[in-house]
């Protein structure tokens, strides 16, 4: 429909890819990041890196507030790390008890 009411209307994707949404969130937190101490800036950067591991799941989630998905992604990675550390600690404790 050239020149009509729908001129310039494009069919296709209307939602940004989740990877772009995530990068926008990272940019939105820039000022907050600048206010942090250097080691805390690095911690925040690592948290966002953890969220990047779950971009595909974020795309499937399609939540109204994408930051929820980002936080859950970060929490999943923290949970995995805790489970791994608990397992290592349990192994060390069992090894000590055998000695």
N, C-alpha and C. Protein backbone atom coordinates (compact mmCIF):
# COMPACT_ATOMS: atom_id res chain seq x y z
N UNK A 1 0.84 -1.17 0.00
CA UNK A 1 0.00 0.00 0.00
C UNK A 1 0.89 1.23 0.00
N UNK A 2 1.41 1.59 -1.11
CA UNK A 2 2.36 2.68 -1.22
C UNK A 2 1.70 4.03 -1.03
N UNK A 3 2.32 4.87 -0.22
CA UNK A 3 1.86 6.24 -0.03
C UNK A 3 0.62 6.38 0.83
N UNK A 4 0.02 5.30 1.23
CA UNK A 4 -1.19 5.36 2.05
C UNK A 4 -0.88 5.51 3.53
N UNK A 5 -1.88 5.20 4.31
CA UNK A 5 -1.78 5.32 5.76
C UNK A 5 -0.66 4.45 6.34
N UNK A 6 -0.33 3.39 5.65
CA UNK A 6 0.66 2.45 6.17
C UNK A 6 2.02 2.59 5.50
N UNK A 7 2.25 3.71 4.84
CA UNK A 7 3.55 3.93 4.21
C UNK A 7 4.63 3.91 5.29
N UNK A 8 5.67 3.19 5.06
CA UNK A 8 6.75 3.10 6.04
C UNK A 8 6.54 2.00 7.07
N UNK A 9 5.36 1.41 7.10
CA UNK A 9 5.09 0.31 8.03
C UNK A 9 5.86 -0.91 7.55
N UNK A 10 6.61 -1.51 8.46
CA UNK A 10 7.42 -2.66 8.08
C UNK A 10 6.92 -3.90 8.79
N UNK A 11 6.80 -4.95 8.06
CA UNK A 11 6.45 -6.23 8.65
C UNK A 11 7.73 -6.85 9.20
N UNK A 12 7.56 -7.69 10.18
CA UNK A 12 8.73 -8.38 10.70
C UNK A 12 8.84 -8.24 12.20
N UNK A 13 10.02 -8.41 12.69
CA UNK A 13 10.28 -8.43 14.12
C UNK A 13 10.00 -7.06 14.73
N UNK A 14 9.17 -7.06 15.78
CA UNK A 14 8.86 -5.81 16.46
C UNK A 14 9.55 -5.75 17.81
N UNK A 15 10.06 -6.87 18.27
CA UNK A 15 10.72 -6.95 19.56
C UNK A 15 12.22 -7.10 19.32
N UNK A 16 13.00 -6.35 20.07
CA UNK A 16 14.46 -6.47 19.93
C UNK A 16 14.92 -7.85 20.38
N UNK A 17 15.96 -8.37 19.76
CA UNK A 17 16.55 -9.62 20.25
C UNK A 17 16.99 -9.44 21.70
N UNK A 18 16.86 -10.50 22.48
CA UNK A 18 17.18 -10.40 23.91
C UNK A 18 18.62 -9.97 24.14
N UNK A 19 19.53 -10.37 23.26
CA UNK A 19 20.92 -9.95 23.42
C UNK A 19 21.04 -8.43 23.37
N UNK A 20 20.25 -7.78 22.52
CA UNK A 20 20.26 -6.32 22.45
C UNK A 20 19.59 -5.71 23.67
N UNK A 21 18.53 -6.35 24.14
CA UNK A 21 17.86 -5.87 25.36
C UNK A 21 18.84 -5.92 26.53
N UNK A 22 19.58 -7.01 26.62
CA UNK A 22 20.57 -7.16 27.68
C UNK A 22 21.63 -6.07 27.59
N UNK A 23 22.12 -5.80 26.39
CA UNK A 23 23.12 -4.75 26.23
C UNK A 23 22.56 -3.38 26.59
N UNK A 24 21.29 -3.15 26.28
CA UNK A 24 20.66 -1.89 26.69
C UNK A 24 20.62 -1.77 28.20
N UNK A 25 20.31 -2.87 28.87
CA UNK A 25 20.29 -2.87 30.34
C UNK A 25 21.68 -2.56 30.89
N UNK A 26 22.69 -3.18 30.31
CA UNK A 26 24.07 -2.91 30.74
C UNK A 26 24.35 -1.41 30.62
N UNK A 27 23.95 -0.81 29.51
CA UNK A 27 24.16 0.63 29.31
C UNK A 27 23.36 1.46 30.32
N UNK A 28 22.16 1.01 30.66
CA UNK A 28 21.33 1.74 31.62
C UNK A 28 21.97 1.77 33.01
N UNK A 29 22.79 0.77 33.31
CA UNK A 29 23.44 0.67 34.62
C UNK A 29 24.83 1.30 34.64
N UNK A 30 25.22 1.98 33.56
CA UNK A 30 26.57 2.59 33.48
C UNK A 30 26.84 3.56 34.61
N UNK A 31 25.91 4.47 34.88
CA UNK A 31 26.14 5.47 35.93
C UNK A 31 26.27 4.80 37.29
N UNK A 32 25.42 3.82 37.55
CA UNK A 32 25.52 3.07 38.80
C UNK A 32 26.89 2.42 38.89
N UNK A 33 27.33 1.80 37.81
CA UNK A 33 28.62 1.12 37.77
C UNK A 33 29.76 2.09 38.08
N UNK A 34 29.68 3.29 37.49
CA UNK A 34 30.74 4.28 37.74
C UNK A 34 30.83 4.67 39.22
N UNK A 35 29.72 4.59 39.93
CA UNK A 35 29.72 4.94 41.34
C UNK A 35 30.27 3.85 42.25
N UNK A 36 30.50 2.69 41.69
CA UNK A 36 31.02 1.57 42.49
C UNK A 36 32.54 1.61 42.59
N UNK A 37 33.05 0.96 43.64
CA UNK A 37 34.50 0.77 43.73
C UNK A 37 34.94 -0.15 42.60
N UNK A 38 36.21 -0.10 42.26
CA UNK A 38 36.75 -0.86 41.14
C UNK A 38 36.41 -2.36 41.23
N UNK A 39 36.61 -2.97 42.41
CA UNK A 39 36.34 -4.40 42.54
C UNK A 39 34.85 -4.70 42.41
N UNK A 40 34.01 -3.76 42.82
CA UNK A 40 32.57 -3.95 42.68
C UNK A 40 32.14 -3.77 41.23
N UNK A 41 32.82 -2.88 40.50
CA UNK A 41 32.56 -2.74 39.07
C UNK A 41 32.84 -4.07 38.37
N UNK A 42 33.94 -4.69 38.75
CA UNK A 42 34.30 -5.97 38.15
C UNK A 42 33.27 -7.05 38.50
N UNK A 43 32.77 -7.00 39.72
CA UNK A 43 31.73 -7.96 40.13
C UNK A 43 30.46 -7.76 39.31
N UNK A 44 30.06 -6.52 39.12
CA UNK A 44 28.87 -6.23 38.32
C UNK A 44 29.07 -6.70 36.88
N UNK A 45 30.25 -6.46 36.34
CA UNK A 45 30.55 -6.92 34.98
C UNK A 45 30.42 -8.45 34.88
N UNK A 46 30.92 -9.15 35.90
CA UNK A 46 30.82 -10.61 35.90
C UNK A 46 29.37 -11.07 35.97
N UNK A 47 28.55 -10.35 36.75
CA UNK A 47 27.13 -10.70 36.83
C UNK A 47 26.46 -10.57 35.47
N UNK A 48 26.74 -9.50 34.77
CA UNK A 48 26.15 -9.34 33.44
C UNK A 48 26.69 -10.40 32.48
N UNK A 49 27.95 -10.80 32.65
CA UNK A 49 28.49 -11.88 31.81
C UNK A 49 27.73 -13.18 32.07
N UNK A 50 27.38 -13.42 33.33
CA UNK A 50 26.60 -14.62 33.66
C UNK A 50 25.24 -14.57 32.99
N UNK A 51 24.62 -13.39 32.95
CA UNK A 51 23.32 -13.25 32.31
C UNK A 51 23.43 -13.54 30.81
N UNK A 52 24.55 -13.21 30.21
CA UNK A 52 24.74 -13.46 28.77
C UNK A 52 24.74 -14.94 28.43
N UNK A 53 25.01 -15.78 29.43
CA UNK A 53 24.99 -17.22 29.21
C UNK A 53 23.57 -17.74 28.95
N UNK A 54 22.58 -16.92 29.26
CA UNK A 54 21.19 -17.36 29.17
C UNK A 54 20.37 -16.51 28.20
N UNK A 55 21.04 -15.99 27.19
CA UNK A 55 20.35 -15.14 26.20
C UNK A 55 19.23 -15.91 25.50
N UNK A 56 19.49 -17.15 25.14
CA UNK A 56 18.48 -17.94 24.44
C UNK A 56 17.23 -18.11 25.31
N UNK A 57 17.41 -18.42 26.58
CA UNK A 57 16.27 -18.57 27.48
C UNK A 57 15.53 -17.24 27.64
N UNK A 58 16.29 -16.15 27.67
CA UNK A 58 15.68 -14.83 27.77
C UNK A 58 14.81 -14.53 26.56
N UNK A 59 15.24 -14.97 25.41
CA UNK A 59 14.44 -14.77 24.19
C UNK A 59 13.14 -15.55 24.28
N UNK A 60 13.20 -16.75 24.82
CA UNK A 60 11.99 -17.56 24.98
C UNK A 60 11.05 -16.97 26.03
N UNK A 61 11.63 -16.40 27.09
CA UNK A 61 10.81 -15.90 28.19
C UNK A 61 9.92 -14.75 27.76
N UNK A 62 10.45 -13.84 26.99
CA UNK A 62 9.68 -12.71 26.49
C UNK A 62 8.85 -12.06 27.59
N UNK A 63 9.49 -11.68 28.67
CA UNK A 63 8.82 -11.08 29.83
C UNK A 63 8.64 -9.59 29.61
N UNK A 64 7.61 -9.01 30.27
CA UNK A 64 7.39 -7.57 30.11
C UNK A 64 8.52 -6.73 30.70
N UNK A 65 9.19 -7.24 31.73
CA UNK A 65 10.33 -6.54 32.34
C UNK A 65 11.55 -7.43 32.16
N UNK A 66 12.31 -7.22 31.11
CA UNK A 66 13.45 -8.09 30.81
C UNK A 66 14.47 -8.18 31.93
N UNK A 67 14.54 -7.16 32.78
CA UNK A 67 15.54 -7.22 33.85
C UNK A 67 15.26 -8.37 34.81
N UNK A 68 13.99 -8.76 34.93
CA UNK A 68 13.67 -9.95 35.74
C UNK A 68 14.40 -11.17 35.20
N UNK A 69 14.36 -11.33 33.89
CA UNK A 69 15.02 -12.47 33.26
C UNK A 69 16.53 -12.39 33.45
N UNK A 70 17.08 -11.19 33.37
CA UNK A 70 18.51 -11.00 33.58
C UNK A 70 18.90 -11.40 35.00
N UNK A 71 18.10 -10.96 35.97
CA UNK A 71 18.39 -11.31 37.37
C UNK A 71 18.28 -12.80 37.62
N UNK A 72 17.24 -13.42 37.07
CA UNK A 72 17.08 -14.86 37.25
C UNK A 72 18.27 -15.59 36.62
N UNK A 73 18.73 -15.14 35.49
CA UNK A 73 19.90 -15.75 34.84
C UNK A 73 21.12 -15.66 35.75
N UNK A 74 21.31 -14.50 36.37
CA UNK A 74 22.42 -14.33 37.30
C UNK A 74 22.28 -15.27 38.50
N UNK A 75 21.06 -15.38 39.01
CA UNK A 75 20.81 -16.25 40.17
C UNK A 75 21.04 -17.72 39.83
N UNK A 76 20.65 -18.13 38.63
CA UNK A 76 20.89 -19.51 38.22
C UNK A 76 22.38 -19.82 38.26
N UNK A 77 23.19 -18.91 37.73
CA UNK A 77 24.64 -19.13 37.73
C UNK A 77 25.20 -19.15 39.15
N UNK A 78 24.66 -18.31 40.02
CA UNK A 78 25.10 -18.33 41.42
C UNK A 78 24.72 -19.65 42.08
N UNK A 79 23.52 -20.12 41.80
CA UNK A 79 23.09 -21.40 42.37
C UNK A 79 23.99 -22.53 41.90
N UNK A 80 24.32 -22.54 40.63
CA UNK A 80 25.21 -23.57 40.10
C UNK A 80 26.57 -23.51 40.81
N UNK A 81 27.08 -22.31 41.03
CA UNK A 81 28.37 -22.16 41.71
C UNK A 81 28.28 -22.66 43.15
N UNK A 82 27.18 -22.34 43.82
CA UNK A 82 27.00 -22.80 45.21
C UNK A 82 26.93 -24.32 45.29
N UNK A 83 26.20 -24.94 44.38
CA UNK A 83 26.11 -26.40 44.36
C UNK A 83 27.49 -27.01 44.15
N UNK A 84 28.24 -26.44 43.23
CA UNK A 84 29.59 -26.95 42.97
C UNK A 84 30.48 -26.80 44.21
N UNK A 85 30.43 -25.64 44.84
CA UNK A 85 31.25 -25.41 46.04
C UNK A 85 30.84 -26.31 47.20
N UNK A 86 29.53 -26.50 47.36
CA UNK A 86 29.06 -27.42 48.42
C UNK A 86 29.56 -28.83 48.17
N UNK A 87 29.53 -29.25 46.92
CA UNK A 87 30.02 -30.58 46.57
C UNK A 87 31.51 -30.73 46.88
N UNK A 88 32.28 -29.71 46.53
CA UNK A 88 33.72 -29.75 46.82
C UNK A 88 33.98 -29.76 48.32
N UNK A 89 33.22 -28.96 49.05
CA UNK A 89 33.38 -28.91 50.51
C UNK A 89 33.02 -30.26 51.13
N UNK A 90 31.93 -30.86 50.66
CA UNK A 90 31.51 -32.17 51.16
C UNK A 90 32.60 -33.21 50.89
N UNK A 91 33.17 -33.16 49.69
CA UNK A 91 34.25 -34.11 49.35
C UNK A 91 35.45 -33.93 50.26
N UNK A 92 35.81 -32.67 50.53
CA UNK A 92 36.95 -32.40 51.40
C UNK A 92 36.67 -32.88 52.82
N UNK A 93 35.45 -32.66 53.29
CA UNK A 93 35.09 -33.10 54.64
C UNK A 93 35.11 -34.62 54.74
N UNK A 94 34.61 -35.30 53.72
CA UNK A 94 34.62 -36.76 53.71
C UNK A 94 36.04 -37.29 53.68
N UNK A 95 36.90 -36.62 52.91
CA UNK A 95 38.30 -37.03 52.82
C UNK A 95 38.97 -36.88 54.18
N UNK A 96 38.70 -35.78 54.88
CA UNK A 96 39.27 -35.54 56.21
C UNK A 96 38.81 -36.60 57.20
N UNK A 97 37.55 -36.97 57.12
CA UNK A 97 37.01 -37.96 58.06
C UNK A 97 37.64 -39.33 57.85
N UNK A 98 38.03 -39.65 56.64
CA UNK A 98 38.66 -40.93 56.34
C UNK A 98 40.09 -40.98 56.83
N UNK A 99 40.72 -39.83 56.96
CA UNK A 99 42.14 -39.81 57.34
C UNK A 99 42.33 -39.95 58.82
